[in-house]
Amino acid sequence: MAEKRLHPRSATARRTAGITLDHAAPVYDWLAPLMTLGSEHRLHRRVVARLALDRPAAVLDVGCGTGTLTRQIYDALPADAPRRVCGVDAAEAMIAVARKKAGDRPGLAFDAALAEELPYSDASFDRALSTFFFHHLNFDLKIKALAEIWRALRPGGQAAILDVDVPYTRFGALCAWSGYWLFHQAEIAENIRGKLRAALDASPWRGHWNIASRHSGYLSLFMLVKPQENKP
């Protein structure tokens, strides 16, 4: 995929075959709402609501970008208990922006790292999320990243993935394929053809996920629950 070679990539980003967005960091916060046709904030609220953050929890945001949703997750957790929220992204420029915007939030951290090689020990988190990230990974990396999320979650933990999926309306198909044509990104076409669902079934999450809701004609909110017995 030639797109990956058109822009400079940070040292961390060069370690992955996934699409990374170091070059987009300065404009990402106004570009993202445009790319979601103004629905980004509404969709973020859906993710926050699904994660049941009314109790203390350690939360991981995979592919966090500039950390907008990561900060929202932190602020949604109970303020009367210690909070641990980590955002991870391979684009070091994105992480730099996220850290700058983090403000005084004890327990909020941003790490430049790969989704397929998360720098956290087993069973470190109660919740995980990923929004508009998995369409940057090819099929093999999708499976590896999903396996890493499984590993990092505690038994009984939950994860939410919001991303491009098989379109279910004509407008949704137009939006999804327009994104593919605009960016010439094979990973987007994989999601449109159902490869994210196939990756879930090829990962430890097989049998432990469902589509909680669908949006905009081509997006799905997947909910994943790691069983208490910690068996695949």
C-alpha atoms as a PDB file:
ATOM      1  CA  MET A   1       0.000   0.000   0.000  1.00  0.00           C
ATOM      2  CA  ALA A   2       1.759   3.104  -1.306  1.00  0.00           C
ATOM      3  CA  GLU A   3      -0.143   5.424   1.027  1.00  0.00           C
ATOM      4  CA  LYS A   4       2.027   4.335   3.930  1.00  0.00           C
ATOM      5  CA  ARG A   5       5.135   5.645   2.193  1.00  0.00           C
ATOM      6  CA  LEU A   6       3.764   9.072   1.256  1.00  0.00           C
ATOM      7  CA  HIS A   7       4.128  10.583   4.722  1.00  0.00           C
ATOM      8  CA  PRO A   8       6.884  10.514   7.333  1.00  0.00           C
ATOM      9  CA  ARG A   9       6.319   7.978  10.092  1.00  0.00           C
ATOM     10  CA  SER A  10       7.621   8.074  13.637  1.00  0.00           C
ATOM     11  CA  ALA A  11       9.944   5.360  14.916  1.00  0.00           C
ATOM     12  CA  THR A  12       7.099   3.524  16.633  1.00  0.00           C
ATOM     13  CA  ALA A  13       4.866   3.772  13.561  1.00  0.00           C
ATOM     14  CA  ARG A  14       7.558   2.273  11.345  1.00  0.00           C
ATOM     15  CA  ARG A  15       7.351  -0.941  13.384  1.00  0.00           C
ATOM     16  CA  THR A  16       3.831  -1.751  12.167  1.00  0.00           C
ATOM     17  CA  ALA A  17       2.338  -2.609   8.799  1.00  0.00           C
ATOM     18  CA  GLY A  18      -0.833  -0.791   9.841  1.00  0.00           C
ATOM     19  CA  ILE A  19      -1.855   2.654   8.618  1.00  0.00           C
ATOM     20  CA  THR A  20      -0.602   5.390  10.960  1.00  0.00           C
ATOM     21  CA  LEU A  21      -1.415   9.083  11.006  1.00  0.00           C
ATOM     22  CA  ASP A  22       1.550  11.032  12.343  1.00  0.00           C
ATOM     23  CA  HIS A  23       1.086  13.495   9.493  1.00  0.00           C
ATOM     24  CA  ALA A  24      -2.562  14.154  10.436  1.00  0.00           C
ATOM     25  CA  ALA A  25      -1.977  14.991  14.110  1.00  0.00           C
ATOM     26  CA  PRO A  26      -2.097  18.810  13.700  1.00  0.00           C
ATOM     27  CA  VAL A  27      -5.515  18.708  11.989  1.00  0.00           C
ATOM     28  CA  TYR A  28      -7.031  15.507  13.333  1.00  0.00           C
ATOM     29  CA  ASP A  29      -9.328  17.127  15.903  1.00  0.00           C
ATOM     30  CA  TRP A  30     -11.258  19.046  13.250  1.00  0.00           C
ATOM     31  CA  LEU A  31     -10.870  16.430  10.516  1.00  0.00           C
ATOM     32  CA  ALA A  32     -12.406  13.539  12.501  1.00  0.00           C
ATOM     33  CA  PRO A  33     -15.845  15.171  12.938  1.00  0.00           C
ATOM     34  CA  LEU A  34     -15.914  15.924   9.206  1.00  0.00           C
ATOM     35  CA  MET A  35     -15.108  12.327   8.310  1.00  0.00           C
ATOM     36  CA  THR A  36     -17.993  11.102  10.501  1.00  0.00           C
ATOM     37  CA  LEU A  37     -20.429  13.673   9.054  1.00  0.00           C
ATOM     38  CA  GLY A  38     -20.729  15.387  12.427  1.00  0.00           C
ATOM     39  CA  SER A  39     -21.703  12.228  14.318  1.00  0.00           C
ATOM     40  CA  GLU A  40     -18.438  11.717  16.237  1.00  0.00           C
ATOM     41  CA  HIS A  41     -19.632  13.147  19.575  1.00  0.00           C
ATOM     42  CA  ARG A  42     -22.924  11.253  19.454  1.00  0.00           C
ATOM     43  CA  LEU A  43     -21.109   7.998  18.687  1.00  0.00           C
ATOM     44  CA  HIS A  44     -18.608   8.616  21.466  1.00  0.00           C
ATOM     45  CA  ARG A  45     -21.491   9.014  23.912  1.00  0.00           C
ATOM     46  CA  ARG A  46     -22.822   5.628  22.789  1.00  0.00           C
ATOM     47  CA  VAL A  47     -19.465   3.995  23.491  1.00  0.00           C
ATOM     48  CA  VAL A  48     -19.154   5.617  26.924  1.00  0.00           C
ATOM     49  CA  ALA A  49     -22.679   4.517  27.851  1.00  0.00           C
ATOM     50  CA  ARG A  50     -22.031   0.924  26.770  1.00  0.00           C
ATOM     51  CA  LEU A  51     -18.882   0.606  28.889  1.00  0.00           C
ATOM     52  CA  ALA A  52     -20.755   1.081  32.206  1.00  0.00           C
ATOM     53  CA  LEU A  53     -18.247   3.460  33.775  1.00  0.00           C
ATOM     54  CA  ASP A  54     -20.277   4.209  36.902  1.00  0.00           C
ATOM     55  CA  ARG A  55     -17.842   2.141  38.972  1.00  0.00           C
ATOM     56  CA  PRO A  56     -14.040   2.319  39.349  1.00  0.00           C
ATOM     57  CA  ALA A  57     -12.261   0.698  36.415  1.00  0.00           C
ATOM     58  CA  ALA A  58      -8.960   0.592  34.573  1.00  0.00           C
ATOM     59  CA  VAL A  59      -9.634   1.416  30.922  1.00  0.00           C
ATOM     60  CA  LEU A  60      -7.546   1.012  27.755  1.00  0.00           C
ATOM     61  CA  ASP A  61      -8.166   3.019  24.562  1.00  0.00           C
ATOM     62  CA  VAL A  62      -6.519   1.325  21.564  1.00  0.00           C
ATOM     63  CA  GLY A  63      -5.762   3.618  18.634  1.00  0.00           C
ATOM     64  CA  CYS A  64      -6.543   6.671  20.738  1.00  0.00           C
ATOM     65  CA  GLY A  65      -5.387   9.329  18.266  1.00  0.00           C
ATOM     66  CA  THR A  66      -5.245  12.703  20.004  1.00  0.00           C
ATOM     67  CA  GLY A  67      -7.031  11.292  23.046  1.00  0.00           C
ATOM     68  CA  THR A  68     -10.397  13.060  22.772  1.00  0.00           C
ATOM     69  CA  LEU A  69     -12.441   9.999  23.724  1.00  0.00           C
ATOM     70  CA  THR A  70      -9.771   8.826  26.175  1.00  0.00           C
ATOM     71  CA  ARG A  71     -10.231  12.027  28.161  1.00  0.00           C
ATOM     72  CA  GLN A  72     -14.003  11.627  28.038  1.00  0.00           C
ATOM     73  CA  ILE A  73     -13.656   8.104  29.411  1.00  0.00           C
ATOM     74  CA  TYR A  74     -11.470   9.384  32.252  1.00  0.00           C
ATOM     75  CA  ASP A  75     -13.935  12.135  33.118  1.00  0.00           C
ATOM     76  CA  ALA A  76     -16.848   9.642  33.073  1.00  0.00           C
ATOM     77  CA  LEU A  77     -15.285   7.447  35.773  1.00  0.00           C
ATOM     78  CA  PRO A  78     -16.170   8.083  39.428  1.00  0.00           C
ATOM     79  CA  ALA A  79     -14.096  10.977  40.726  1.00  0.00           C
ATOM     80  CA  ASP A  80     -14.042   9.660  44.307  1.00  0.00           C
ATOM     81  CA  ALA A  81     -11.819   6.667  43.436  1.00  0.00           C
ATOM     82  CA  PRO A  82      -8.398   6.296  41.803  1.00  0.00           C
ATOM     83  CA  ARG A  83      -8.668   6.266  38.012  1.00  0.00           C
ATOM     84  CA  ARG A  84      -6.385   4.544  35.494  1.00  0.00           C
ATOM     85  CA  VAL A  85      -6.974   5.242  31.814  1.00  0.00           C
ATOM     86  CA  CYS A  86      -4.356   4.524  29.150  1.00  0.00           C
ATOM     87  CA  GLY A  87      -4.444   5.583  25.518  1.00  0.00           C
ATOM     88  CA  VAL A  88      -2.165   3.877  23.011  1.00  0.00           C
ATOM     89  CA  ASP A  89      -1.333   4.832  19.428  1.00  0.00           C
ATOM     90  CA  ALA A  90       1.546   4.025  17.089  1.00  0.00           C
ATOM     91  CA  ALA A  91       1.681   7.603  15.782  1.00  0.00           C
ATOM     92  CA  GLU A  92       4.013   9.444  18.134  1.00  0.00           C
ATOM     93  CA  ALA A  93       2.757  12.820  16.881  1.00  0.00           C
ATOM     94  CA  MET A  94      -0.786  11.841  17.930  1.00  0.00           C
ATOM     95  CA  ILE A  95       0.461  10.821  21.365  1.00  0.00           C
ATOM     96  CA  ALA A  96       2.307  14.140  21.732  1.00  0.00           C
ATOM     97  CA  VAL A  97      -0.935  16.045  21.086  1.00  0.00           C
ATOM     98  CA  ALA A  98      -2.857  13.764  23.460  1.00  0.00           C
ATOM     99  CA  ARG A  99      -0.344  14.320  26.252  1.00  0.00           C
ATOM    100  CA  LYS A 100      -0.446  18.075  25.725  1.00  0.00           C
ATOM    101  CA  LYS A 101      -4.237  18.069  26.044  1.00  0.00           C
ATOM    102  CA  ALA A 102      -4.374  15.681  28.997  1.00  0.00           C
ATOM    103  CA  GLY A 103      -4.227  18.467  31.571  1.00  0.00           C
ATOM    104  CA  ASP A 104      -4.117  17.653  35.273  1.00  0.00           C
ATOM    105  CA  ARG A 105      -5.688  14.209  35.268  1.00  0.00           C
ATOM    106  CA  PRO A 106      -3.830  11.847  37.649  1.00  0.00           C
ATOM    107  CA  GLY A 107      -3.867   8.301  36.295  1.00  0.00           C
ATOM    108  CA  LEU A 108      -4.359   9.327  32.657  1.00  0.00           C
ATOM    109  CA  ALA A 109      -1.455   8.197  30.451  1.00  0.00           C
ATOM    110  CA  PHE A 110      -0.719   8.055  26.732  1.00  0.00           C
ATOM    111  CA  ASP A 111       1.786   5.585  25.288  1.00  0.00           C
ATOM    112  CA  ALA A 112       3.285   5.328  21.812  1.00  0.00           C
ATOM    113  CA  ALA A 113       2.965   1.609  21.103  1.00  0.00           C
ATOM    114  CA  LEU A 114       1.482  -0.937  18.699  1.00  0.00           C
ATOM    115  CA  ALA A 115      -1.959  -2.453  19.077  1.00  0.00           C
ATOM    116  CA  GLU A 116      -0.488  -5.827  18.125  1.00  0.00           C
ATOM    117  CA  GLU A 117       2.185  -5.495  20.862  1.00  0.00           C
ATOM    118  CA  LEU A 118       0.484  -3.777  23.782  1.00  0.00           C
ATOM    119  CA  PRO A 119       3.016  -2.756  26.474  1.00  0.00           C
ATOM    120  CA  TYR A 120       0.854  -3.936  29.377  1.00  0.00           C
ATOM    121  CA  SER A 121       0.833  -7.069  31.472  1.00  0.00           C
ATOM    122  CA  ASP A 122      -1.887  -9.703  31.279  1.00  0.00           C
ATOM    123  CA  ALA A 123      -5.252  -8.849  32.841  1.00  0.00           C
ATOM    124  CA  SER A 124      -4.351  -5.191  33.426  1.00  0.00           C
ATOM    125  CA  PHE A 125      -7.680  -3.585  32.475  1.00  0.00           C
ATOM    126  CA  ASP A 126     -11.396  -3.879  33.230  1.00  0.00           C
ATOM    127  CA  ARG A 127     -12.518  -2.172  30.031  1.00  0.00           C
ATOM    128  CA  ALA A 128     -11.096  -1.552  26.573  1.00  0.00           C
ATOM    129  CA  LEU A 129     -12.298   0.408  23.596  1.00  0.00           C
ATOM    130  CA  SER A 130     -11.305   1.205  20.050  1.00  0.00           C
ATOM    131  CA  THR A 131     -13.049   3.676  17.754  1.00  0.00           C
ATOM    132  CA  PHE A 132     -12.344   4.112  14.045  1.00  0.00           C
ATOM    133  CA  PHE A 133      -9.059   2.245  14.354  1.00  0.00           C
ATOM    134  CA  PHE A 134      -9.495  -1.313  13.077  1.00  0.00           C
ATOM    135  CA  HIS A 135     -10.005  -0.155   9.488  1.00  0.00           C
ATOM    136  CA  HIS A 136      -6.318   0.885   9.628  1.00  0.00           C
ATOM    137  CA  LEU A 137      -5.198  -2.734  10.178  1.00  0.00           C
ATOM    138  CA  ASN A 138      -4.974  -5.551   7.661  1.00  0.00           C
ATOM    139  CA  PHE A 139      -6.676  -8.847   8.459  1.00  0.00           C
ATOM    140  CA  ASP A 140      -3.686 -10.456  10.184  1.00  0.00           C
ATOM    141  CA  LEU A 141      -3.079  -7.366  12.321  1.00  0.00           C
ATOM    142  CA  LYS A 142      -6.762  -7.215  13.208  1.00  0.00           C
ATOM    143  CA  ILE A 143      -6.502 -10.712  14.682  1.00  0.00           C
ATOM    144  CA  LYS A 144      -3.277  -9.904  16.550  1.00  0.00           C
ATOM    145  CA  ALA A 145      -4.681  -6.670  18.000  1.00  0.00           C
ATOM    146  CA  LEU A 146      -7.867  -8.439  19.106  1.00  0.00           C
ATOM    147  CA  ALA A 147      -5.786 -11.137  20.791  1.00  0.00           C
ATOM    148  CA  GLU A 148      -3.789  -8.451  22.602  1.00  0.00           C
ATOM    149  CA  ILE A 149      -6.962  -6.772  23.859  1.00  0.00           C
ATOM    150  CA  TRP A 150      -8.147 -10.175  25.117  1.00  0.00           C
ATOM    151  CA  ARG A 151      -4.829 -10.689  26.904  1.00  0.00           C
ATOM    152  CA  ALA A 152      -4.835  -7.247  28.509  1.00  0.00           C
ATOM    153  CA  LEU A 153      -8.394  -7.551  29.835  1.00  0.00           C
ATOM    154  CA  ARG A 154      -9.242  -9.193  33.129  1.00  0.00           C
ATOM    155  CA  PRO A 155     -11.736 -12.082  33.156  1.00  0.00           C
ATOM    156  CA  GLY A 156     -15.195 -10.529  33.063  1.00  0.00           C
ATOM    157  CA  GLY A 157     -13.828  -7.451  31.291  1.00  0.00           C
ATOM    158  CA  GLN A 158     -15.597  -5.806  28.395  1.00  0.00           C
ATOM    159  CA  ALA A 159     -14.452  -4.109  25.201  1.00  0.00           C
ATOM    160  CA  ALA A 160     -16.234  -1.857  22.713  1.00  0.00           C
ATOM    161  CA  ILE A 161     -15.159  -1.517  19.083  1.00  0.00           C
ATOM    162  CA  LEU A 162     -16.779   1.077  16.833  1.00  0.00           C
ATOM    163  CA  ASP A 163     -15.739   0.894  13.206  1.00  0.00           C
ATOM    164  CA  VAL A 164     -16.582   0.558   9.546  1.00  0.00           C
ATOM    165  CA  ASP A 165     -18.540  -2.623   8.899  1.00  0.00           C
ATOM    166  CA  VAL A 166     -20.722  -4.224   6.223  1.00  0.00           C
ATOM    167  CA  PRO A 167     -23.035  -1.435   4.950  1.00  0.00           C
ATOM    168  CA  TYR A 168     -26.741  -1.949   5.534  1.00  0.00           C
ATOM    169  CA  THR A 169     -28.162   1.002   3.539  1.00  0.00           C
ATOM    170  CA  ARG A 170     -27.383   2.438   0.125  1.00  0.00           C
ATOM    171  CA  PHE A 171     -26.245   5.686   1.743  1.00  0.00           C
ATOM    172  CA  GLY A 172     -24.006   3.709   4.079  1.00  0.00           C
ATOM    173  CA  ALA A 173     -22.504   1.805   1.169  1.00  0.00           C
ATOM    174  CA  LEU A 174     -21.821   5.097  -0.598  1.00  0.00           C
ATOM    175  CA  CYS A 175     -20.121   6.532   2.501  1.00  0.00           C
ATOM    176  CA  ALA A 176     -18.052   3.422   3.147  1.00  0.00           C
ATOM    177  CA  TRP A 177     -16.866   2.902  -0.419  1.00  0.00           C
ATOM    178  CA  SER A 178     -16.205   6.641  -0.794  1.00  0.00           C
ATOM    179  CA  GLY A 179     -13.772   6.355   2.118  1.00  0.00           C
ATOM    180  CA  TYR A 180     -12.069   3.464   0.370  1.00  0.00           C
ATOM    181  CA  TRP A 181     -11.869   5.302  -2.960  1.00  0.00           C
ATOM    182  CA  LEU A 182     -10.644   8.493  -1.277  1.00  0.00           C
ATOM    183  CA  PHE A 183      -7.839   6.869   0.701  1.00  0.00           C
ATOM    184  CA  HIS A 184      -7.107   3.859  -1.552  1.00  0.00           C
ATOM    185  CA  GLN A 185      -6.931   1.821   1.648  1.00  0.00           C
ATOM    186  CA  ALA A 186      -7.451  -1.927   1.303  1.00  0.00           C
ATOM    187  CA  GLU A 187      -8.065  -2.245   5.043  1.00  0.00           C
ATOM    188  CA  ILE A 188     -11.296  -0.232   4.683  1.00  0.00           C
ATOM    189  CA  ALA A 189     -12.496  -2.583   1.943  1.00  0.00           C
ATOM    190  CA  GLU A 190     -11.770  -5.509   4.274  1.00  0.00           C
ATOM    191  CA  ASN A 191     -14.148  -4.082   6.882  1.00  0.00           C
ATOM    192  CA  ILE A 192     -16.817  -3.353   4.265  1.00  0.00           C
ATOM    193  CA  ARG A 193     -16.625  -6.999   3.194  1.00  0.00           C
ATOM    194  CA  GLY A 194     -17.015  -8.277   6.762  1.00  0.00           C
ATOM    195  CA  LYS A 195     -13.386  -9.029   7.578  1.00  0.00           C
ATOM    196  CA  LEU A 196     -13.565  -7.386  11.014  1.00  0.00           C
ATOM    197  CA  ARG A 197     -16.290  -9.857  11.928  1.00  0.00           C
ATOM    198  CA  ALA A 198     -14.158 -12.663  10.504  1.00  0.00           C
ATOM    199  CA  ALA A 199     -11.168 -11.456  12.533  1.00  0.00           C
ATOM    200  CA  LEU A 200     -13.246 -11.534  15.718  1.00  0.00           C
ATOM    201  CA  ASP A 201     -14.158 -15.130  14.955  1.00  0.00           C
ATOM    202  CA  ALA A 202     -10.512 -15.976  14.213  1.00  0.00           C
ATOM    203  CA  SER A 203      -9.373 -14.484  17.536  1.00  0.00           C
ATOM    204  CA  PRO A 204      -9.930 -15.524  21.160  1.00  0.00           C
ATOM    205  CA  TRP A 205     -13.169 -13.489  21.028  1.00  0.00           C
ATOM    206  CA  ARG A 206     -14.977 -16.118  18.958  1.00  0.00           C
ATOM    207  CA  GLY A 207     -18.376 -16.661  20.574  1.00  0.00           C
ATOM    208  CA  HIS A 208     -17.890 -13.715  22.931  1.00  0.00           C
ATOM    209  CA  TRP A 209     -18.959 -10.755  20.799  1.00  0.00           C
ATOM    210  CA  ASN A 210     -22.086  -9.225  19.348  1.00  0.00           C
ATOM    211  CA  ILE A 211     -23.163  -6.165  17.398  1.00  0.00           C
ATOM    212  CA  ALA A 212     -24.817  -3.900  19.956  1.00  0.00           C
ATOM    213  CA  SER A 213     -25.951  -1.210  17.525  1.00  0.00           C
ATOM    214  CA  ARG A 214     -25.480   0.061  13.970  1.00  0.00           C
ATOM    215  CA  HIS A 215     -25.063   3.639  12.806  1.00  0.00           C
ATOM    216  CA  SER A 216     -24.919   5.839   9.698  1.00  0.00           C
ATOM    217  CA  GLY A 217     -25.587   2.926   7.370  1.00  0.00           C
ATOM    218  CA  TYR A 218     -22.110   1.418   7.620  1.00  0.00           C
ATOM    219  CA  LEU A 219     -20.797   1.558  11.193  1.00  0.00           C
ATOM    220  CA  SER A 220     -21.158  -1.104  13.892  1.00  0.00           C
ATOM    221  CA  LEU A 221     -20.611  -0.961  17.628  1.00  0.00           C
ATOM    222  CA  PHE A 222     -19.251  -4.359  18.626  1.00  0.00           C
ATOM    223  CA  MET A 223     -19.393  -5.391  22.274  1.00  0.00           C
ATOM    224  CA  LEU A 224     -16.937  -8.035  23.489  1.00  0.00           C
ATOM    225  CA  VAL A 225     -17.092  -9.765  26.873  1.00  0.00           C
ATOM    226  CA  LYS A 226     -14.246 -11.876  28.210  1.00  0.00           C
ATOM    227  CA  PRO A 227     -15.729 -14.773  30.210  1.00  0.00           C
ATOM    228  CA  GLN A 228     -15.045 -15.039  33.909  1.00  0.00           C
ATOM    229  CA  GLU A 229     -13.470 -18.463  33.487  1.00  0.00           C
ATOM    230  CA  ASN A 230     -10.874 -16.890  31.177  1.00  0.00           C
ATOM    231  CA  LYS A 231     -11.339 -19.479  28.442  1.00  0.00           C
ATOM    232  CA  PRO A 232     -11.352 -18.676  24.695  1.00  0.00           C
END
